[in-house]
Amino acid sequence: MKYDGNTDKVIDLIKHVMIDTRTQQKDIVEKTGLNKGTISNFLNYKSNNPTLDTLKMYCDAMGCDLLIEIVPREKES
């Protein structure tokens, strides 16, 4: 996914991974130590600009790795 500044797309991606890994909100609560309200707000687009540490906690809870790749833009002709 190319990040364009829209955190909703990141949340959508996390929701898809939650489905794929059969991870429920309560699993994330248990594995991260975050409270249910915080996770609910995040998954309902009520918190913006999550930190990389937060995204990593979600990934860890789902048994996934957070990969960040920075690539040069293609030059326009």
PDB file of N, CA and C in Angstrom:
ATOM      1  N   MET A   1       0.839  -1.173   0.000  1.00  0.00           N
ATOM      2  CA  MET A   1       0.000   0.000   0.000  1.00  0.00           C
ATOM      3  C   MET A   1       0.887   1.240   0.000  1.00  0.00           C
ATOM      4  N   LYS A   2       0.573   2.148  -0.876  1.00  0.00           N
ATOM      5  CA  LYS A   2       1.278   3.424  -0.896  1.00  0.00           C
ATOM      6  C   LYS A   2       0.560   4.366   0.062  1.00  0.00           C
ATOM      7  N   TYR A   3       1.282   4.838   1.061  1.00  0.00           N
ATOM      8  CA  TYR A   3       0.691   5.722   2.070  1.00  0.00           C
ATOM      9  C   TYR A   3       0.571   7.134   1.509  1.00  0.00           C
ATOM     10  N   ASP A   4      -0.642   7.671   1.556  1.00  0.00           N
ATOM     11  CA  ASP A   4      -0.885   9.010   1.015  1.00  0.00           C
ATOM     12  C   ASP A   4      -1.298  10.009   2.094  1.00  0.00           C
ATOM     13  N   GLY A   5      -1.066   9.642   3.342  1.00  0.00           N
ATOM     14  CA  GLY A   5      -1.429  10.521   4.445  1.00  0.00           C
ATOM     15  C   GLY A   5      -2.800  10.215   5.036  1.00  0.00           C
ATOM     16  N   ASN A   6      -3.532   9.305   4.422  1.00  0.00           N
ATOM     17  CA  ASN A   6      -4.868   8.950   4.893  1.00  0.00           C
ATOM     18  C   ASN A   6      -4.760   7.755   5.839  1.00  0.00           C
ATOM     19  N   THR A   7      -4.878   8.016   7.139  1.00  0.00           N
ATOM     20  CA  THR A   7      -4.738   6.930   8.117  1.00  0.00           C
ATOM     21  C   THR A   7      -5.909   5.955   8.066  1.00  0.00           C
ATOM     22  N   ASP A   8      -7.040   6.371   7.492  1.00  0.00           N
ATOM     23  CA  ASP A   8      -8.171   5.448   7.367  1.00  0.00           C
ATOM     24  C   ASP A   8      -7.792   4.215   6.550  1.00  0.00           C
ATOM     25  N   LYS A   9      -6.945   4.414   5.549  1.00  0.00           N
ATOM     26  CA  LYS A   9      -6.505   3.278   4.722  1.00  0.00           C
ATOM     27  C   LYS A   9      -5.645   2.311   5.532  1.00  0.00           C
ATOM     28  N   VAL A  10      -4.863   2.848   6.452  1.00  0.00           N
ATOM     29  CA  VAL A  10      -4.044   2.004   7.327  1.00  0.00           C
ATOM     30  C   VAL A  10      -4.960   1.188   8.248  1.00  0.00           C
ATOM     31  N   ILE A  11      -5.973   1.834   8.786  1.00  0.00           N
ATOM     32  CA  ILE A  11      -6.929   1.140   9.652  1.00  0.00           C
ATOM     33  C   ILE A  11      -7.670   0.062   8.869  1.00  0.00           C
ATOM     34  N   ASP A  12      -8.067   0.388   7.633  1.00  0.00           N
ATOM     35  CA  ASP A  12      -8.721  -0.614   6.780  1.00  0.00           C
ATOM     36  C   ASP A  12      -7.817  -1.829   6.578  1.00  0.00           C
ATOM     37  N   LEU A  13      -6.542  -1.570   6.357  1.00  0.00           N
ATOM     38  CA  LEU A  13      -5.585  -2.661   6.166  1.00  0.00           C
ATOM     39  C   LEU A  13      -5.496  -3.518   7.426  1.00  0.00           C
ATOM     40  N   ILE A  14      -5.441  -2.885   8.584  1.00  0.00           N
ATOM     41  CA  ILE A  14      -5.387  -3.620   9.848  1.00  0.00           C
ATOM     42  C   ILE A  14      -6.657  -4.450  10.024  1.00  0.00           C
ATOM     43  N   LYS A  15      -7.811  -3.891   9.688  1.00  0.00           N
ATOM     44  CA  LYS A  15      -9.061  -4.643   9.791  1.00  0.00           C
ATOM     45  C   LYS A  15      -9.052  -5.874   8.890  1.00  0.00           C
ATOM     46  N   HIS A  16      -8.516  -5.734   7.682  1.00  0.00           N
ATOM     47  CA  HIS A  16      -8.427  -6.877   6.768  1.00  0.00           C
ATOM     48  C   HIS A  16      -7.508  -7.959   7.334  1.00  0.00           C
ATOM     49  N   VAL A  17      -6.394  -7.531   7.909  1.00  0.00           N
ATOM     50  CA  VAL A  17      -5.467  -8.501   8.511  1.00  0.00           C
ATOM     51  C   VAL A  17      -6.121  -9.165   9.717  1.00  0.00           C
ATOM     52  N   MET A  18      -6.893  -8.410  10.484  1.00  0.00           N
ATOM     53  CA  MET A  18      -7.600  -9.002  11.623  1.00  0.00           C
ATOM     54  C   MET A  18      -8.525 -10.121  11.148  1.00  0.00           C
ATOM     55  N   ILE A  19      -9.216  -9.887  10.043  1.00  0.00           N
ATOM     56  CA  ILE A  19     -10.101 -10.913   9.488  1.00  0.00           C
ATOM     57  C   ILE A  19      -9.287 -12.115   9.030  1.00  0.00           C
ATOM     58  N   ASP A  20      -8.214 -11.844   8.286  1.00  0.00           N
ATOM     59  CA  ASP A  20      -7.374 -12.929   7.750  1.00  0.00           C
ATOM     60  C   ASP A  20      -6.752 -13.781   8.854  1.00  0.00           C
ATOM     61  N   THR A  21      -6.393 -13.131   9.961  1.00  0.00           N
ATOM     62  CA  THR A  21      -5.729 -13.852  11.059  1.00  0.00           C
ATOM     63  C   THR A  21      -6.710 -14.271  12.153  1.00  0.00           C
ATOM     64  N   ARG A  22      -7.977 -13.992  11.920  1.00  0.00           N
ATOM     65  CA  ARG A  22      -9.036 -14.303  12.890  1.00  0.00           C
ATOM     66  C   ARG A  22      -8.746 -13.686  14.262  1.00  0.00           C
ATOM     67  N   THR A  23      -8.257 -12.462  14.215  1.00  0.00           N
ATOM     68  CA  THR A  23      -7.965 -11.722  15.439  1.00  0.00           C
ATOM     69  C   THR A  23      -9.159 -10.846  15.781  1.00  0.00           C
ATOM     70  N   GLN A  24      -9.611 -10.923  17.019  1.00  0.00           N
ATOM     71  CA  GLN A  24     -10.727 -10.097  17.467  1.00  0.00           C
ATOM     72  C   GLN A  24     -10.206  -8.952  18.323  1.00  0.00           C
ATOM     73  N   GLN A  25     -11.063  -7.969  18.522  1.00  0.00           N
ATOM     74  CA  GLN A  25     -10.687  -6.827  19.343  1.00  0.00           C
ATOM     75  C   GLN A  25     -10.198  -7.265  20.715  1.00  0.00           C
ATOM     76  N   LYS A  26     -10.879  -8.224  21.311  1.00  0.00           N
ATOM     77  CA  LYS A  26     -10.498  -8.669  22.654  1.00  0.00           C
ATOM     78  C   LYS A  26      -9.101  -9.279  22.652  1.00  0.00           C
ATOM     79  N   ASP A  27      -8.698  -9.902  21.533  1.00  0.00           N
ATOM     80  CA  ASP A  27      -7.347 -10.452  21.431  1.00  0.00           C
ATOM     81  C   ASP A  27      -6.315  -9.341  21.457  1.00  0.00           C
ATOM     82  N   ILE A  28      -6.619  -8.251  20.767  1.00  0.00           N
ATOM     83  CA  ILE A  28      -5.690  -7.115  20.740  1.00  0.00           C
ATOM     84  C   ILE A  28      -5.612  -6.476  22.122  1.00  0.00           C
ATOM     85  N   VAL A  29      -6.755  -6.370  22.795  1.00  0.00           N
ATOM     86  CA  VAL A  29      -6.768  -5.834  24.168  1.00  0.00           C
ATOM     87  C   VAL A  29      -5.855  -6.667  25.055  1.00  0.00           C
ATOM     88  N   GLU A  30      -6.027  -7.987  25.013  1.00  0.00           N
ATOM     89  CA  GLU A  30      -5.240  -8.878  25.868  1.00  0.00           C
ATOM     90  C   GLU A  30      -3.753  -8.832  25.543  1.00  0.00           C
ATOM     91  N   LYS A  31      -3.416  -8.769  24.267  1.00  0.00           N
ATOM     92  CA  LYS A  31      -2.001  -8.861  23.869  1.00  0.00           C
ATOM     93  C   LYS A  31      -1.258  -7.535  23.928  1.00  0.00           C
ATOM     94  N   THR A  32      -1.986  -6.411  23.856  1.00  0.00           N
ATOM     95  CA  THR A  32      -1.302  -5.117  23.877  1.00  0.00           C
ATOM     96  C   THR A  32      -1.357  -4.439  25.233  1.00  0.00           C
ATOM     97  N   GLY A  33      -2.376  -4.769  26.029  1.00  0.00           N
ATOM     98  CA  GLY A  33      -2.558  -4.080  27.298  1.00  0.00           C
ATOM     99  C   GLY A  33      -3.291  -2.760  27.137  1.00  0.00           C
ATOM    100  N   LEU A  34      -3.646  -2.403  25.900  1.00  0.00           N
ATOM    101  CA  LEU A  34      -4.435  -1.192  25.683  1.00  0.00           C
ATOM    102  C   LEU A  34      -5.866  -1.463  26.115  1.00  0.00           C
ATOM    103  N   ASN A  35      -6.583  -0.414  26.499  1.00  0.00           N
ATOM    104  CA  ASN A  35      -7.960  -0.663  26.926  1.00  0.00           C
ATOM    105  C   ASN A  35      -8.885  -0.779  25.716  1.00  0.00           C
ATOM    106  N   LYS A  36     -10.041  -1.379  25.960  1.00  0.00           N
ATOM    107  CA  LYS A  36     -10.993  -1.671  24.892  1.00  0.00           C
ATOM    108  C   LYS A  36     -11.439  -0.401  24.165  1.00  0.00           C
ATOM    109  N   GLY A  37     -11.637   0.681  24.918  1.00  0.00           N
ATOM    110  CA  GLY A  37     -12.062   1.941  24.317  1.00  0.00           C
ATOM    111  C   GLY A  37     -11.056   2.499  23.334  1.00  0.00           C
ATOM    112  N   THR A  38      -9.785   2.401  23.686  1.00  0.00           N
ATOM    113  CA  THR A  38      -8.723   2.888  22.813  1.00  0.00           C
ATOM    114  C   THR A  38      -8.722   2.111  21.498  1.00  0.00           C
ATOM    115  N   ILE A  39      -8.835   0.803  21.602  1.00  0.00           N
ATOM    116  CA  ILE A  39      -8.824  -0.040  20.402  1.00  0.00           C
ATOM    117  C   ILE A  39     -10.085   0.185  19.576  1.00  0.00           C
ATOM    118  N   SER A  40     -11.211   0.304  20.247  1.00  0.00           N
ATOM    119  CA  SER A  40     -12.465   0.570  19.549  1.00  0.00           C
ATOM    120  C   SER A  40     -12.403   1.902  18.810  1.00  0.00           C
ATOM    121  N   ASN A  41     -11.906   2.929  19.464  1.00  0.00           N
ATOM    122  CA  ASN A  41     -11.774   4.237  18.813  1.00  0.00           C
ATOM    123  C   ASN A  41     -10.878   4.152  17.590  1.00  0.00           C
ATOM    124  N   PHE A  42      -9.777   3.453  17.716  1.00  0.00           N
ATOM    125  CA  PHE A  42      -8.851   3.305  16.601  1.00  0.00           C
ATOM    126  C   PHE A  42      -9.536   2.609  15.427  1.00  0.00           C
ATOM    127  N   LEU A  43     -10.189   1.491  15.691  1.00  0.00           N
ATOM    128  CA  LEU A  43     -10.807   0.703  14.625  1.00  0.00           C
ATOM    129  C   LEU A  43     -12.050   1.372  14.038  1.00  0.00           C
ATOM    130  N   ASN A  44     -12.588   2.365  14.741  1.00  0.00           N
ATOM    131  CA  ASN A  44     -13.746   3.111  14.254  1.00  0.00           C
ATOM    132  C   ASN A  44     -13.359   4.502  13.756  1.00  0.00           C
ATOM    133  N   TYR A  45     -12.073   4.658  13.418  1.00  0.00           N
ATOM    134  CA  TYR A  45     -11.562   5.885  12.790  1.00  0.00           C
ATOM    135  C   TYR A  45     -11.719   7.118  13.674  1.00  0.00           C
ATOM    136  N   LYS A  46     -11.724   6.939  14.988  1.00  0.00           N
ATOM    137  CA  LYS A  46     -11.888   8.064  15.900  1.00  0.00           C
ATOM    138  C   LYS A  46     -10.569   8.548  16.490  1.00  0.00           C
ATOM    139  N   SER A  47      -9.498   7.901  16.143  1.00  0.00           N
ATOM    140  CA  SER A  47      -8.186   8.391  16.558  1.00  0.00           C
ATOM    141  C   SER A  47      -7.363   8.525  15.292  1.00  0.00           C
ATOM    142  N   ASN A  48      -6.621   9.599  15.204  1.00  0.00           N
ATOM    143  CA  ASN A  48      -5.879   9.801  13.968  1.00  0.00           C
ATOM    144  C   ASN A  48      -4.381   9.787  14.230  1.00  0.00           C
ATOM    145  N   ASN A  49      -3.658   9.558  13.192  1.00  0.00           N
ATOM    146  CA  ASN A  49      -2.199   9.588  13.198  1.00  0.00           C
ATOM    147  C   ASN A  49      -1.585   8.652  14.240  1.00  0.00           C
ATOM    148  N   PRO A  50      -1.836   7.340  14.118  1.00  0.00           N
ATOM    149  CA  PRO A  50      -1.226   6.397  15.066  1.00  0.00           C
ATOM    150  C   PRO A  50       0.296   6.392  14.912  1.00  0.00           C
ATOM    151  N   THR A  51       0.971   6.181  16.016  1.00  0.00           N
ATOM    152  CA  THR A  51       2.432   6.118  15.966  1.00  0.00           C
ATOM    153  C   THR A  51       2.877   4.777  15.391  1.00  0.00           C
ATOM    154  N   LEU A  52       4.113   4.720  14.974  1.00  0.00           N
ATOM    155  CA  LEU A  52       4.668   3.454  14.495  1.00  0.00           C
ATOM    156  C   LEU A  52       4.667   2.421  15.610  1.00  0.00           C
ATOM    157  N   ASP A  53       4.905   2.871  16.842  1.00  0.00           N
ATOM    158  CA  ASP A  53       4.884   1.946  17.982  1.00  0.00           C
ATOM    159  C   ASP A  53       3.489   1.337  18.152  1.00  0.00           C
ATOM    160  N   THR A  54       2.454   2.153  17.980  1.00  0.00           N
ATOM    161  CA  THR A  54       1.085   1.650  18.083  1.00  0.00           C
ATOM    162  C   THR A  54       0.803   0.641  16.977  1.00  0.00           C
ATOM    163  N   LEU A  55       1.173   0.973  15.751  1.00  0.00           N
ATOM    164  CA  LEU A  55       0.961   0.042  14.636  1.00  0.00           C
ATOM    165  C   LEU A  55       1.706  -1.262  14.867  1.00  0.00           C
ATOM    166  N   LYS A  56       2.912  -1.169  15.425  1.00  0.00           N
ATOM    167  CA  LYS A  56       3.679  -2.386  15.701  1.00  0.00           C
ATOM    168  C   LYS A  56       2.989  -3.232  16.770  1.00  0.00           C
ATOM    169  N   MET A  57       2.412  -2.589  17.779  1.00  0.00           N
ATOM    170  CA  MET A  57       1.688  -3.345  18.810  1.00  0.00           C
ATOM    171  C   MET A  57       0.518  -4.110  18.201  1.00  0.00           C
ATOM    172  N   TYR A  58      -0.220  -3.459  17.311  1.00  0.00           N
ATOM    173  CA  TYR A  58      -1.338  -4.136  16.641  1.00  0.00           C
ATOM    174  C   TYR A  58      -0.820  -5.312  15.819  1.00  0.00           C
ATOM    175  N   CYS A  59       0.251  -5.098  15.078  1.00  0.00           N
ATOM    176  CA  CYS A  59       0.826  -6.169  14.263  1.00  0.00           C
ATOM    177  C   CYS A  59       1.296  -7.328  15.130  1.00  0.00           C
ATOM    178  N   ASP A  60       1.974  -7.023  16.211  1.00  0.00           N
ATOM    179  CA  ASP A  60       2.424  -8.074  17.124  1.00  0.00           C
ATOM    180  C   ASP A  60       1.238  -8.877  17.649  1.00  0.00           C
ATOM    181  N   ALA A  61       0.151  -8.180  17.982  1.00  0.00           N
ATOM    182  CA  ALA A  61      -1.038  -8.851  18.513  1.00  0.00           C
ATOM    183  C   ALA A  61      -1.681  -9.773  17.472  1.00  0.00           C
ATOM    184  N   MET A  62      -1.499  -9.440  16.191  1.00  0.00           N
ATOM    185  CA  MET A  62      -2.073 -10.257  15.116  1.00  0.00           C
ATOM    186  C   MET A  62      -1.091 -11.296  14.593  1.00  0.00           C
ATOM    187  N   GLY A  63       0.128 -11.307  15.149  1.00  0.00           N
ATOM    188  CA  GLY A  63       1.144 -12.246  14.679  1.00  0.00           C
ATOM    189  C   GLY A  63       1.716 -11.849  13.330  1.00  0.00           C
ATOM    190  N   CYS A  64       1.808 -10.541  13.098  1.00  0.00           N
ATOM    191  CA  CYS A  64       2.306 -10.026  11.820  1.00  0.00           C
ATOM    192  C   CYS A  64       3.503  -9.105  12.058  1.00  0.00           C
ATOM    193  N   ASP A  65       4.235  -8.864  10.997  1.00  0.00           N
ATOM    194  CA  ASP A  65       5.335  -7.912  11.034  1.00  0.00           C
ATOM    195  C   ASP A  65       4.896  -6.614  10.383  1.00  0.00           C
ATOM    196  N   LEU A  66       5.380  -5.506  10.901  1.00  0.00           N
ATOM    197  CA  LEU A  66       5.160  -4.197  10.300  1.00  0.00           C
ATOM    198  C   LEU A  66       6.373  -3.897   9.428  1.00  0.00           C
ATOM    199  N   LEU A  67       6.148  -3.801   8.131  1.00  0.00           N
ATOM    200  CA  LEU A  67       7.231  -3.521   7.197  1.00  0.00           C
ATOM    201  C   LEU A  67       7.096  -2.097   6.678  1.00  0.00           C
ATOM    202  N   ILE A  68       8.197  -1.395   6.646  1.00  0.00           N
ATOM    203  CA  ILE A  68       8.205  -0.028   6.113  1.00  0.00           C
ATOM    204  C   ILE A  68       9.251   0.005   5.010  1.00  0.00           C
ATOM    205  N   GLU A  69       8.823   0.478   3.875  1.00  0.00           N
ATOM    206  CA  GLU A  69       9.731   0.521   2.734  1.00  0.00           C
ATOM    207  C   GLU A  69       9.687   1.924   2.150  1.00  0.00           C
ATOM    208  N   ILE A  70      10.839   2.510   1.944  1.00  0.00           N
ATOM    209  CA  ILE A  70      10.926   3.828   1.333  1.00  0.00           C
ATOM    210  C   ILE A  70      11.592   3.632  -0.020  1.00  0.00           C
ATOM    211  N   VAL A  71      10.908   4.027  -1.052  1.00  0.00           N
ATOM    212  CA  VAL A  71      11.425   3.828  -2.416  1.00  0.00           C
ATOM    213  C   VAL A  71      11.408   5.147  -3.180  1.00  0.00           C
ATOM    214  N   PRO A  72      12.364   5.311  -4.084  1.00  0.00           N
ATOM    215  CA  PRO A  72      12.363   6.546  -4.885  1.00  0.00           C
ATOM    216  C   PRO A  72      11.128   6.593  -5.796  1.00  0.00           C
ATOM    217  N   ARG A  73      10.640   7.781  -6.002  1.00  0.00           N
ATOM    218  CA  ARG A  73       9.518   7.958  -6.921  1.00  0.00           C
ATOM    219  C   ARG A  73      10.017   7.797  -8.353  1.00  0.00           C
ATOM    220  N   GLU A  74       9.119   7.303  -9.185  1.00  0.00           N
ATOM    221  CA  GLU A  74       9.462   7.191 -10.603  1.00  0.00           C
ATOM    222  C   GLU A  74       9.459   8.607 -11.189  1.00  0.00           C
ATOM    223  N   LYS A  75      10.415   8.858 -12.035  1.00  0.00           N
ATOM    224  CA  LYS A  75      10.508  10.179 -12.666  1.00  0.00           C
ATOM    225  C   LYS A  75       9.459  10.278 -13.759  1.00  0.00           C
ATOM    226  N   GLU A  76       8.812  11.442 -13.783  1.00  0.00           N
ATOM    227  CA  GLU A  76       7.817  11.675 -14.814  1.00  0.00           C
ATOM    228  C   GLU A  76       8.499  12.076 -16.113  1.00  0.00           C
ATOM    229  N   SER A  77       7.959  11.638 -17.218  1.00  0.00           N
ATOM    230  CA  SER A  77       8.546  11.969 -18.533  1.00  0.00           C
ATOM    231  C   SER A  77       8.123  13.322 -19.015  1.00  0.00           C
TER     232      SER A  77
END
